[in-house]
Amino acid sequence: MTETYEVIVIGGGAAGLSAALVLGRSRRRTLVVDAGEPRNAPAAHMQGFLTRDGMPPAEFLAIGRKEIERYGVELVADRVVEVADRVVEVAEGFAVTLASGRVLRARRLVVATGLKDELPEVPGVAERFGKDVLHCPYCHGWEVRDQAFGVLATSPLSVHQALMVSQWSKDVTFFLHEVAEADLAADDLRRLAAAGVEVVPGEVAELVVTDDRLTAVRLKDGTALAREVVFTAPRAVPRSGLLERLGAELAETPFGAYPVVDATGQTSVPGVWAAGNAVGFGEQVINAAAGGYRAGAAINGDLLMADLDTAAGV
């Protein structure tokens, strides 16, 4: 028999767990489907979350799972492989198929599937990501402050990253890599100079690691420049396949296509909300948790009004 829930939350990160917490406390039968691929898994600690600053991401998620369990929310380690709108047996709802073969029914969905970071294909980058190869100065800048920074360009937009990290170190080298200096705006070059950022043309061959520490950036011509930390901007790949199949409206951004949502995270598909990195590249953990909270509260209100309207014959 098909199992029925009031809400199925797809994704067990900060956004999904936060939505589930609100729904559980609202006495809604809720299931979280967690594929176990949190975006911040490479990081040893998460920063900038008030009262949780410095907590390991895995510990944060473990506490969140225990909290939702107290309110009867179920969690399954599985992956949603298909969703279908408008279950034929009822007036509203969705059919949700898991990789394990289970078929579930839900009146409402929260899509909190996040995104995947695709790193530059430079030897050493993937291996050091989350250690001394970083992407967000707000997440890691304080911990590596005043060290020798490198910024590995992935596009002309990387100028912004180079300028930002100069707030945390006055020793910043901007490696253009495959970006031509001619592609940089004149104003950006002036800003880089004003910030004291050295611009180095030429393709990067590899990151040099000695005794499990980043020590240099080596160019294709053999030149090695001593660096202790490298910032780079991964290519964000939104996990929006389920939303696309449901027909959600997406908007193109410089960081991929994300669903168009209202202030609560409701998408253009009735009954479907999205939260966390599923709605944008820059959603930090604290933002994702807040987005999940808003979605959970909105869904509870939506279900309540729908049931009252049915009972009242409205």
C-alpha atoms as a PDB file:
ATOM      1  CA  MET A   1       0.000   0.000   0.000  1.00  0.00           C
ATOM      2  CA  THR A   2       1.120   3.528  -0.733  1.00  0.00           C
ATOM      3  CA  GLU A   3       2.208   5.337   2.433  1.00  0.00           C
ATOM      4  CA  THR A   4       0.607   8.725   2.917  1.00  0.00           C
ATOM      5  CA  TYR A   5       2.084  11.786   4.605  1.00  0.00           C
ATOM      6  CA  GLU A   6       0.849  15.314   4.925  1.00  0.00           C
ATOM      7  CA  VAL A   7       4.282  16.637   3.974  1.00  0.00           C
ATOM      8  CA  ILE A   8       7.376  15.039   2.493  1.00  0.00           C
ATOM      9  CA  VAL A   9      10.605  17.009   2.834  1.00  0.00           C
ATOM     10  CA  ILE A  10      13.159  16.093   0.177  1.00  0.00           C
ATOM     11  CA  GLY A  11      16.588  16.835   1.624  1.00  0.00           C
ATOM     12  CA  GLY A  12      17.869  16.491   5.182  1.00  0.00           C
ATOM     13  CA  GLY A  13      20.170  19.493   5.504  1.00  0.00           C
ATOM     14  CA  ALA A  14      19.594  22.647   7.527  1.00  0.00           C
ATOM     15  CA  ALA A  15      16.651  23.792   5.381  1.00  0.00           C
ATOM     16  CA  GLY A  16      14.897  20.432   5.274  1.00  0.00           C
ATOM     17  CA  LEU A  17      15.338  19.680   8.973  1.00  0.00           C
ATOM     18  CA  SER A  18      14.178  23.167   9.943  1.00  0.00           C
ATOM     19  CA  ALA A  19      11.023  22.815   7.861  1.00  0.00           C
ATOM     20  CA  ALA A  20      10.420  19.366   9.367  1.00  0.00           C
ATOM     21  CA  LEU A  21      10.868  20.717  12.896  1.00  0.00           C
ATOM     22  CA  VAL A  22       8.159  23.338  12.391  1.00  0.00           C
ATOM     23  CA  LEU A  23       5.830  20.818  10.753  1.00  0.00           C
ATOM     24  CA  GLY A  24       6.377  18.238  13.462  1.00  0.00           C
ATOM     25  CA  ARG A  25       5.605  20.789  16.137  1.00  0.00           C
ATOM     26  CA  SER A  26       2.472  21.634  14.154  1.00  0.00           C
ATOM     27  CA  ARG A  27       1.352  17.990  14.482  1.00  0.00           C
ATOM     28  CA  ARG A  28       1.724  17.283  10.766  1.00  0.00           C
ATOM     29  CA  ARG A  29       2.651  13.760   9.669  1.00  0.00           C
ATOM     30  CA  THR A  30       5.972  14.504   8.030  1.00  0.00           C
ATOM     31  CA  LEU A  31       8.721  12.460   6.392  1.00  0.00           C
ATOM     32  CA  VAL A  32      12.250  13.657   5.590  1.00  0.00           C
ATOM     33  CA  VAL A  33      14.036  11.836   2.762  1.00  0.00           C
ATOM     34  CA  ASP A  34      17.778  12.381   3.148  1.00  0.00           C
ATOM     35  CA  ALA A  35      20.237  11.291   0.443  1.00  0.00           C
ATOM     36  CA  GLY A  36      23.148  12.142   2.761  1.00  0.00           C
ATOM     37  CA  GLU A  37      24.993  14.601   0.517  1.00  0.00           C
ATOM     38  CA  PRO A  38      25.252  17.887   2.462  1.00  0.00           C
ATOM     39  CA  ARG A  39      27.046  20.630   0.561  1.00  0.00           C
ATOM     40  CA  ASN A  40      29.225  21.576   3.543  1.00  0.00           C
ATOM     41  CA  ALA A  41      30.431  18.020   4.232  1.00  0.00           C
ATOM     42  CA  PRO A  42      34.080  18.873   3.304  1.00  0.00           C
ATOM     43  CA  ALA A  43      34.214  21.589   5.998  1.00  0.00           C
ATOM     44  CA  ALA A  44      35.421  20.675   9.486  1.00  0.00           C
ATOM     45  CA  HIS A  45      33.404  23.472  11.069  1.00  0.00           C
ATOM     46  CA  MET A  46      30.612  25.882  10.160  1.00  0.00           C
ATOM     47  CA  GLN A  47      30.814  29.531  11.120  1.00  0.00           C
ATOM     48  CA  GLY A  48      28.472  32.491  11.387  1.00  0.00           C
ATOM     49  CA  PHE A  49      25.491  30.641  12.902  1.00  0.00           C
ATOM     50  CA  LEU A  50      24.690  32.369  16.189  1.00  0.00           C
ATOM     51  CA  THR A  51      25.149  29.948  19.154  1.00  0.00           C
ATOM     52  CA  ARG A  52      26.499  27.287  16.748  1.00  0.00           C
ATOM     53  CA  ASP A  53      29.638  29.064  15.549  1.00  0.00           C
ATOM     54  CA  GLY A  54      32.429  26.526  15.051  1.00  0.00           C
ATOM     55  CA  MET A  55      30.206  23.444  15.270  1.00  0.00           C
ATOM     56  CA  PRO A  56      31.084  20.550  12.928  1.00  0.00           C
ATOM     57  CA  PRO A  57      28.392  20.264  10.245  1.00  0.00           C
ATOM     58  CA  ALA A  58      27.839  16.558  10.949  1.00  0.00           C
ATOM     59  CA  GLU A  59      27.184  17.311  14.627  1.00  0.00           C
ATOM     60  CA  PHE A  60      24.714  20.052  13.668  1.00  0.00           C
ATOM     61  CA  LEU A  61      22.754  17.629  11.479  1.00  0.00           C
ATOM     62  CA  ALA A  62      22.813  14.889  14.121  1.00  0.00           C
ATOM     63  CA  ILE A  63      21.285  17.249  16.685  1.00  0.00           C
ATOM     64  CA  GLY A  64      18.676  18.354  14.155  1.00  0.00           C
ATOM     65  CA  ARG A  65      17.658  14.758  13.463  1.00  0.00           C
ATOM     66  CA  LYS A  66      17.169  14.107  17.179  1.00  0.00           C
ATOM     67  CA  GLU A  67      15.074  17.253  17.512  1.00  0.00           C
ATOM     68  CA  ILE A  68      12.641  16.352  14.730  1.00  0.00           C
ATOM     69  CA  GLU A  69      12.330  12.807  16.078  1.00  0.00           C
ATOM     70  CA  ARG A  70      10.931  14.200  19.336  1.00  0.00           C
ATOM     71  CA  TYR A  71       7.926  15.500  17.403  1.00  0.00           C
ATOM     72  CA  GLY A  72       7.212  12.305  15.503  1.00  0.00           C
ATOM     73  CA  VAL A  73       8.846  13.301  12.230  1.00  0.00           C
ATOM     74  CA  GLU A  74      10.170  10.286  10.335  1.00  0.00           C
ATOM     75  CA  LEU A  75      13.500  10.299   8.515  1.00  0.00           C
ATOM     76  CA  VAL A  76      14.635   7.817   5.909  1.00  0.00           C
ATOM     77  CA  ALA A  77      18.087   7.549   4.310  1.00  0.00           C
ATOM     78  CA  ASP A  78      17.080   7.281   0.675  1.00  0.00           C
ATOM     79  CA  ARG A  79      16.851   9.292  -2.528  1.00  0.00           C
ATOM     80  CA  VAL A  80      13.795  10.592  -4.350  1.00  0.00           C
ATOM     81  CA  VAL A  81      14.030   9.503  -7.974  1.00  0.00           C
ATOM     82  CA  GLU A  82      10.649  10.660  -9.231  1.00  0.00           C
ATOM     83  CA  VAL A  83       7.762  12.908  -8.287  1.00  0.00           C
ATOM     84  CA  ALA A  84       4.380  13.126  -9.956  1.00  0.00           C
ATOM     85  CA  ASP A  85       1.864  15.913  -9.513  1.00  0.00           C
ATOM     86  CA  ARG A  86      -1.803  15.327  -8.748  1.00  0.00           C
ATOM     87  CA  VAL A  87      -2.230  11.794  -7.456  1.00  0.00           C
ATOM     88  CA  VAL A  88      -5.275  10.434  -9.233  1.00  0.00           C
ATOM     89  CA  GLU A  89      -6.920   8.898  -6.153  1.00  0.00           C
ATOM     90  CA  VAL A  90      -7.260  12.224  -4.347  1.00  0.00           C
ATOM     91  CA  ALA A  91      -8.010  15.811  -5.254  1.00  0.00           C
ATOM     92  CA  GLU A  92      -4.543  17.006  -4.316  1.00  0.00           C
ATOM     93  CA  GLY A  93      -1.142  15.549  -3.707  1.00  0.00           C
ATOM     94  CA  PHE A  94       2.023  14.061  -5.109  1.00  0.00           C
ATOM     95  CA  ALA A  95       3.392  10.593  -5.702  1.00  0.00           C
ATOM     96  CA  VAL A  96       7.007  10.296  -4.544  1.00  0.00           C
ATOM     97  CA  THR A  97       9.134   7.340  -5.635  1.00  0.00           C
ATOM     98  CA  LEU A  98      12.321   6.494  -3.739  1.00  0.00           C
ATOM     99  CA  ALA A  99      15.415   4.720  -5.029  1.00  0.00           C
ATOM    100  CA  SER A 100      14.560   1.817  -2.733  1.00  0.00           C
ATOM    101  CA  GLY A 101      11.296   1.334  -4.620  1.00  0.00           C
ATOM    102  CA  ARG A 102       8.971   2.753  -1.983  1.00  0.00           C
ATOM    103  CA  VAL A 103       6.150   4.850  -3.374  1.00  0.00           C
ATOM    104  CA  LEU A 104       4.830   7.539  -1.048  1.00  0.00           C
ATOM    105  CA  ARG A 105       2.033  10.060  -1.199  1.00  0.00           C
ATOM    106  CA  ALA A 106       2.198  13.612   0.125  1.00  0.00           C
ATOM    107  CA  ARG A 107      -0.223  16.521   0.164  1.00  0.00           C
ATOM    108  CA  ARG A 108       2.638  19.032   0.155  1.00  0.00           C
ATOM    109  CA  LEU A 109       6.341  18.907  -0.731  1.00  0.00           C
ATOM    110  CA  VAL A 110       9.408  20.770   0.466  1.00  0.00           C
ATOM    111  CA  VAL A 111      12.313  20.526  -1.970  1.00  0.00           C
ATOM    112  CA  ALA A 112      15.558  21.156  -0.086  1.00  0.00           C
ATOM    113  CA  THR A 113      17.924  19.251  -2.351  1.00  0.00           C
ATOM    114  CA  GLY A 114      20.610  21.948  -2.359  1.00  0.00           C
ATOM    115  CA  LEU A 115      23.298  22.122  -5.007  1.00  0.00           C
ATOM    116  CA  LYS A 116      26.579  20.544  -6.009  1.00  0.00           C
ATOM    117  CA  ASP A 117      29.887  22.419  -6.198  1.00  0.00           C
ATOM    118  CA  GLU A 118      31.967  21.644  -9.294  1.00  0.00           C
ATOM    119  CA  LEU A 119      35.569  22.609  -8.588  1.00  0.00           C
ATOM    120  CA  PRO A 120      38.200  23.786 -11.074  1.00  0.00           C
ATOM    121  CA  GLU A 121      40.061  20.821 -12.553  1.00  0.00           C
ATOM    122  CA  VAL A 122      43.412  21.819 -11.100  1.00  0.00           C
ATOM    123  CA  PRO A 123      45.404  19.113  -9.295  1.00  0.00           C
ATOM    124  CA  GLY A 124      45.189  19.659  -5.556  1.00  0.00           C
ATOM    125  CA  VAL A 125      42.002  21.734  -5.507  1.00  0.00           C
ATOM    126  CA  ALA A 126      39.513  18.936  -4.830  1.00  0.00           C
ATOM    127  CA  GLU A 127      41.852  17.219  -2.374  1.00  0.00           C
ATOM    128  CA  ARG A 128      42.292  20.371  -0.271  1.00  0.00           C
ATOM    129  CA  PHE A 129      38.745  21.732  -0.557  1.00  0.00           C
ATOM    130  CA  GLY A 130      37.362  22.550   2.866  1.00  0.00           C
ATOM    131  CA  LYS A 131      40.862  22.584   4.386  1.00  0.00           C
ATOM    132  CA  ASP A 132      43.062  25.289   2.850  1.00  0.00           C
ATOM    133  CA  VAL A 133      41.160  25.577  -0.431  1.00  0.00           C
ATOM    134  CA  LEU A 134      38.077  27.607   0.407  1.00  0.00           C
ATOM    135  CA  HIS A 135      35.254  29.452  -1.322  1.00  0.00           C
ATOM    136  CA  CYS A 136      33.568  31.729   1.242  1.00  0.00           C
ATOM    137  CA  PRO A 137      35.416  34.348   3.287  1.00  0.00           C
ATOM    138  CA  TYR A 138      32.440  34.737   5.623  1.00  0.00           C
ATOM    139  CA  CYS A 139      32.603  31.008   6.349  1.00  0.00           C
ATOM    140  CA  HIS A 140      36.370  30.690   6.751  1.00  0.00           C
ATOM    141  CA  GLY A 141      38.045  34.094   6.518  1.00  0.00           C
ATOM    142  CA  TRP A 142      38.533  34.611  10.247  1.00  0.00           C
ATOM    143  CA  GLU A 143      40.178  31.207  10.677  1.00  0.00           C
ATOM    144  CA  VAL A 144      42.800  31.897   7.981  1.00  0.00           C
ATOM    145  CA  ARG A 145      43.174  35.656   8.544  1.00  0.00           C
ATOM    146  CA  ASP A 146      46.509  37.327   7.754  1.00  0.00           C
ATOM    147  CA  GLN A 147      47.868  34.316   5.895  1.00  0.00           C
ATOM    148  CA  ALA A 148      49.153  34.414   2.317  1.00  0.00           C
ATOM    149  CA  PHE A 149      46.054  34.104   0.120  1.00  0.00           C
ATOM    150  CA  GLY A 150      45.725  33.044  -3.471  1.00  0.00           C
ATOM    151  CA  VAL A 151      42.533  33.444  -5.457  1.00  0.00           C
ATOM    152  CA  LEU A 152      42.118  31.039  -8.368  1.00  0.00           C
ATOM    153  CA  ALA A 153      39.934  32.685 -10.993  1.00  0.00           C
ATOM    154  CA  THR A 154      37.141  30.638 -12.558  1.00  0.00           C
ATOM    155  CA  SER A 155      35.598  33.572 -14.472  1.00  0.00           C
ATOM    156  CA  PRO A 156      35.896  37.373 -14.664  1.00  0.00           C
ATOM    157  CA  LEU A 157      33.438  37.430 -11.727  1.00  0.00           C
ATOM    158  CA  SER A 158      36.249  36.070  -9.550  1.00  0.00           C
ATOM    159  CA  VAL A 159      37.486  39.659  -9.248  1.00  0.00           C
ATOM    160  CA  HIS A 160      34.769  40.161  -6.643  1.00  0.00           C
ATOM    161  CA  GLN A 161      36.108  37.248  -4.617  1.00  0.00           C
ATOM    162  CA  ALA A 162      39.659  38.596  -4.777  1.00  0.00           C
ATOM    163  CA  LEU A 163      38.477  41.995  -3.557  1.00  0.00           C
ATOM    164  CA  MET A 164      36.384  40.497  -0.769  1.00  0.00           C
ATOM    165  CA  VAL A 165      39.119  38.307   0.704  1.00  0.00           C
ATOM    166  CA  SER A 166      41.439  41.333   0.953  1.00  0.00           C
ATOM    167  CA  GLN A 167      39.376  42.218   4.030  1.00  0.00           C
ATOM    168  CA  TRP A 168      40.954  39.237   5.818  1.00  0.00           C
ATOM    169  CA  SER A 169      44.521  39.459   4.490  1.00  0.00           C
ATOM    170  CA  LYS A 170      46.695  42.137   2.941  1.00  0.00           C
ATOM    171  CA  ASP A 171      48.755  39.488   1.120  1.00  0.00           C
ATOM    172  CA  VAL A 172      46.496  38.424  -1.768  1.00  0.00           C
ATOM    173  CA  THR A 173      47.547  37.120  -5.168  1.00  0.00           C
ATOM    174  CA  PHE A 174      44.931  36.817  -7.902  1.00  0.00           C
ATOM    175  CA  PHE A 175      45.766  33.971 -10.305  1.00  0.00           C
ATOM    176  CA  LEU A 176      43.949  34.625 -13.582  1.00  0.00           C
ATOM    177  CA  HIS A 177      44.389  30.975 -14.635  1.00  0.00           C
ATOM    178  CA  GLU A 178      42.298  30.670 -17.822  1.00  0.00           C
ATOM    179  CA  VAL A 179      40.868  34.202 -17.611  1.00  0.00           C
ATOM    180  CA  ALA A 180      42.517  36.757 -19.865  1.00  0.00           C
ATOM    181  CA  GLU A 181      43.505  40.057 -18.278  1.00  0.00           C
ATOM    182  CA  ALA A 182      41.805  41.772 -21.214  1.00  0.00           C
ATOM    183  CA  ASP A 183      38.501  40.308 -20.026  1.00  0.00           C
ATOM    184  CA  LEU A 184      38.703  42.253 -16.771  1.00  0.00           C
ATOM    185  CA  ALA A 185      37.021  45.640 -16.597  1.00  0.00           C
ATOM    186  CA  ALA A 186      39.287  48.654 -16.184  1.00  0.00           C
ATOM    187  CA  ASP A 187      37.485  49.624 -12.977  1.00  0.00           C
ATOM    188  CA  ASP A 188      38.080  46.150 -11.564  1.00  0.00           C
ATOM    189  CA  LEU A 189      41.799  46.382 -12.284  1.00  0.00           C
ATOM    190  CA  ARG A 190      41.889  49.718 -10.490  1.00  0.00           C
ATOM    191  CA  ARG A 191      40.042  48.247  -7.505  1.00  0.00           C
ATOM    192  CA  LEU A 192      42.460  45.318  -7.347  1.00  0.00           C
ATOM    193  CA  ALA A 193      45.380  47.719  -7.335  1.00  0.00           C
ATOM    194  CA  ALA A 194      43.750  49.837  -4.630  1.00  0.00           C
ATOM    195  CA  ALA A 195      43.250  46.722  -2.487  1.00  0.00           C
ATOM    196  CA  GLY A 196      46.892  45.738  -2.939  1.00  0.00           C
ATOM    197  CA  VAL A 197      45.993  42.533  -4.781  1.00  0.00           C
ATOM    198  CA  GLU A 198      48.731  41.250  -7.092  1.00  0.00           C
ATOM    199  CA  VAL A 199      47.398  40.026 -10.441  1.00  0.00           C
ATOM    200  CA  VAL A 200      49.272  37.056 -11.922  1.00  0.00           C
ATOM    201  CA  PRO A 201      48.447  35.957 -15.499  1.00  0.00           C
ATOM    202  CA  GLY A 202      49.104  32.461 -16.737  1.00  0.00           C
ATOM    203  CA  GLU A 203      47.450  29.089 -16.289  1.00  0.00           C
ATOM    204  CA  VAL A 204      47.798  27.331 -12.952  1.00  0.00           C
ATOM    205  CA  ALA A 205      49.232  23.811 -13.201  1.00  0.00           C
ATOM    206  CA  GLU A 206      48.768  22.574  -9.635  1.00  0.00           C
ATOM    207  CA  LEU A 207      48.641  23.355  -5.960  1.00  0.00           C
ATOM    208  CA  VAL A 208      51.779  22.336  -4.098  1.00  0.00           C
ATOM    209  CA  VAL A 209      51.182  20.484  -0.836  1.00  0.00           C
ATOM    210  CA  THR A 210      53.933  19.739   1.683  1.00  0.00           C
ATOM    211  CA  ASP A 211      53.371  17.764   4.902  1.00  0.00           C
ATOM    212  CA  ASP A 212      49.598  17.971   4.420  1.00  0.00           C
ATOM    213  CA  ARG A 213      49.656  21.766   4.053  1.00  0.00           C
ATOM    214  CA  LEU A 214      49.209  23.960   1.018  1.00  0.00           C
ATOM    215  CA  THR A 215      52.506  25.707   0.416  1.00  0.00           C
ATOM    216  CA  ALA A 216      52.461  27.118  -3.131  1.00  0.00           C
ATOM    217  CA  VAL A 217      50.628  27.608  -6.399  1.00  0.00           C
ATOM    218  CA  ARG A 218      52.601  26.396  -9.430  1.00  0.00           C
ATOM    219  CA  LEU A 219      51.984  27.890 -12.875  1.00  0.00           C
ATOM    220  CA  LYS A 220      52.275  26.022 -16.178  1.00  0.00           C
ATOM    221  CA  ASP A 221      55.593  27.753 -16.854  1.00  0.00           C
ATOM    222  CA  GLY A 222      57.012  26.194 -13.660  1.00  0.00           C
ATOM    223  CA  THR A 223      56.898  29.330 -11.521  1.00  0.00           C
ATOM    224  CA  ALA A 224      55.819  28.564  -7.938  1.00  0.00           C
ATOM    225  CA  LEU A 225      54.449  31.293  -5.713  1.00  0.00           C
ATOM    226  CA  ALA A 226      54.256  30.585  -2.004  1.00  0.00           C
ATOM    227  CA  ARG A 227      50.669  30.643  -0.730  1.00  0.00           C
ATOM    228  CA  GLU A 228      49.038  29.225   2.390  1.00  0.00           C
ATOM    229  CA  VAL A 229      45.366  29.454   1.421  1.00  0.00           C
ATOM    230  CA  VAL A 230      43.572  29.459  -1.921  1.00  0.00           C
ATOM    231  CA  PHE A 231      40.065  30.778  -2.467  1.00  0.00           C
ATOM    232  CA  THR A 232      38.146  29.776  -5.561  1.00  0.00           C
ATOM    233  CA  ALA A 233      34.552  29.900  -6.741  1.00  0.00           C
ATOM    234  CA  PRO A 234      33.133  26.489  -7.626  1.00  0.00           C
ATOM    235  CA  ARG A 235      30.587  26.194 -10.393  1.00  0.00           C
ATOM    236  CA  ALA A 236      27.231  25.822  -8.688  1.00  0.00           C
ATOM    237  CA  VAL A 237      25.036  23.067 -10.109  1.00  0.00           C
ATOM    238  CA  PRO A 238      21.532  23.314  -8.622  1.00  0.00           C
ATOM    239  CA  ARG A 239      19.852  19.985  -7.919  1.00  0.00           C
ATOM    240  CA  SER A 240      16.660  21.164  -9.569  1.00  0.00           C
ATOM    241  CA  GLY A 241      15.717  18.068 -11.571  1.00  0.00           C
ATOM    242  CA  LEU A 242      12.666  17.247  -9.438  1.00  0.00           C
ATOM    243  CA  LEU A 243      11.413  20.822  -9.662  1.00  0.00           C
ATOM    244  CA  GLU A 244      11.877  20.813 -13.423  1.00  0.00           C
ATOM    245  CA  ARG A 245       9.881  17.604 -13.764  1.00  0.00           C
ATOM    246  CA  LEU A 246       7.093  19.138 -11.700  1.00  0.00           C
ATOM    247  CA  GLY A 247       7.052  22.112 -14.081  1.00  0.00           C
ATOM    248  CA  ALA A 248       8.300  24.733 -11.632  1.00  0.00           C
ATOM    249  CA  GLU A 249       9.251  28.069 -13.144  1.00  0.00           C
ATOM    250  CA  LEU A 250      13.012  28.601 -13.027  1.00  0.00           C
ATOM    251  CA  ALA A 251      15.007  31.811 -13.367  1.00  0.00           C
ATOM    252  CA  GLU A 252      18.517  31.942 -14.805  1.00  0.00           C
ATOM    253  CA  THR A 253      21.199  33.536 -12.627  1.00  0.00           C
ATOM    254  CA  PRO A 254      25.002  33.810 -12.958  1.00  0.00           C
ATOM    255  CA  PHE A 255      25.107  30.764 -10.642  1.00  0.00           C
ATOM    256  CA  GLY A 256      22.590  28.514 -12.370  1.00  0.00           C
ATOM    257  CA  ALA A 257      18.832  28.204 -12.739  1.00  0.00           C
ATOM    258  CA  TYR A 258      16.806  28.370  -9.528  1.00  0.00           C
ATOM    259  CA  PRO A 259      13.056  28.190  -8.872  1.00  0.00           C
ATOM    260  CA  VAL A 260      11.027  31.364  -8.703  1.00  0.00           C
ATOM    261  CA  VAL A 261       9.645  31.475  -5.155  1.00  0.00           C
ATOM    262  CA  ASP A 262       7.656  33.852  -2.967  1.00  0.00           C
ATOM    263  CA  ALA A 263       8.741  35.091   0.466  1.00  0.00           C
ATOM    264  CA  THR A 264       7.841  31.741   2.070  1.00  0.00           C
ATOM    265  CA  GLY A 265       9.593  29.613  -0.562  1.00  0.00           C
ATOM    266  CA  GLN A 266       6.445  28.593  -2.437  1.00  0.00           C
ATOM    267  CA  THR A 267       7.213  27.736  -6.053  1.00  0.00           C
ATOM    268  CA  SER A 268       4.992  28.231  -9.093  1.00  0.00           C
ATOM    269  CA  VAL A 269       3.692  24.661  -8.588  1.00  0.00           C
ATOM    270  CA  PRO A 270       0.781  24.615  -6.108  1.00  0.00           C
ATOM    271  CA  GLY A 271       1.719  22.609  -3.046  1.00  0.00           C
ATOM    272  CA  VAL A 272       5.485  22.723  -3.606  1.00  0.00           C
ATOM    273  CA  TRP A 273       7.923  24.805  -1.570  1.00  0.00           C
ATOM    274  CA  ALA A 274      11.706  25.075  -1.911  1.00  0.00           C
ATOM    275  CA  ALA A 275      14.296  26.171   0.633  1.00  0.00           C
ATOM    276  CA  GLY A 276      18.028  26.451   1.250  1.00  0.00           C
ATOM    277  CA  ASN A 277      20.515  26.160  -1.605  1.00  0.00           C
ATOM    278  CA  ALA A 278      17.678  24.788  -3.722  1.00  0.00           C
ATOM    279  CA  VAL A 279      16.592  28.430  -4.125  1.00  0.00           C
ATOM    280  CA  GLY A 280      19.976  30.157  -4.401  1.00  0.00           C
ATOM    281  CA  PHE A 281      23.740  29.847  -4.443  1.00  0.00           C
ATOM    282  CA  GLY A 282      24.421  32.115  -1.453  1.00  0.00           C
ATOM    283  CA  GLU A 283      22.185  30.515   1.190  1.00  0.00           C
ATOM    284  CA  GLN A 284      24.435  29.908   4.193  1.00  0.00           C
ATOM    285  CA  VAL A 285      23.402  27.418   6.884  1.00  0.00           C
ATOM    286  CA  ILE A 286      21.686  30.051   8.992  1.00  0.00           C
ATOM    287  CA  ASN A 287      19.782  31.383   5.968  1.00  0.00           C
ATOM    288  CA  ALA A 288      18.825  27.869   4.913  1.00  0.00           C
ATOM    289  CA  ALA A 289      17.459  27.079   8.365  1.00  0.00           C
ATOM    290  CA  ALA A 290      15.418  30.292   8.333  1.00  0.00           C
ATOM    291  CA  GLY A 291      14.085  29.490   4.861  1.00  0.00           C
ATOM    292  CA  GLY A 292      13.045  26.037   6.015  1.00  0.00           C
ATOM    293  CA  TYR A 293      11.247  27.541   9.000  1.00  0.00           C
ATOM    294  CA  ARG A 294       9.296  29.935   6.777  1.00  0.00           C
ATOM    295  CA  ALA A 295       8.336  27.132   4.412  1.00  0.00           C
ATOM    296  CA  GLY A 296       7.195  24.859   7.241  1.00  0.00           C
ATOM    297  CA  ALA A 297       5.024  27.540   8.813  1.00  0.00           C
ATOM    298  CA  ALA A 298       3.502  28.481   5.450  1.00  0.00           C
ATOM    299  CA  ILE A 299       2.692  24.854   4.625  1.00  0.00           C
ATOM    300  CA  ASN A 300       0.992  24.275   7.964  1.00  0.00           C
ATOM    301  CA  GLY A 301      -1.183  27.340   7.398  1.00  0.00           C
ATOM    302  CA  ASP A 302      -1.920  26.270   3.841  1.00  0.00           C
ATOM    303  CA  LEU A 303      -3.039  22.794   4.940  1.00  0.00           C
ATOM    304  CA  LEU A 304      -5.138  24.201   7.767  1.00  0.00           C
ATOM    305  CA  MET A 305      -7.017  26.591   5.492  1.00  0.00           C
ATOM    306  CA  ALA A 306      -7.515  23.905   2.833  1.00  0.00           C
ATOM    307  CA  ASP A 307      -9.057  21.533   5.377  1.00  0.00           C
ATOM    308  CA  LEU A 308     -11.267  24.227   6.898  1.00  0.00           C
ATOM    309  CA  ASP A 309     -12.481  25.259   3.452  1.00  0.00           C
ATOM    310  CA  THR A 310     -13.363  21.650   2.675  1.00  0.00           C
ATOM    311  CA  ALA A 311     -15.213  21.242   5.966  1.00  0.00           C
ATOM    312  CA  ALA A 312     -17.051  24.534   5.472  1.00  0.00           C
ATOM    313  CA  GLY A 313     -17.902  23.780   1.873  1.00  0.00           C
ATOM    314  CA  VAL A 314     -16.096  26.897   0.698  1.00  0.00           C
END
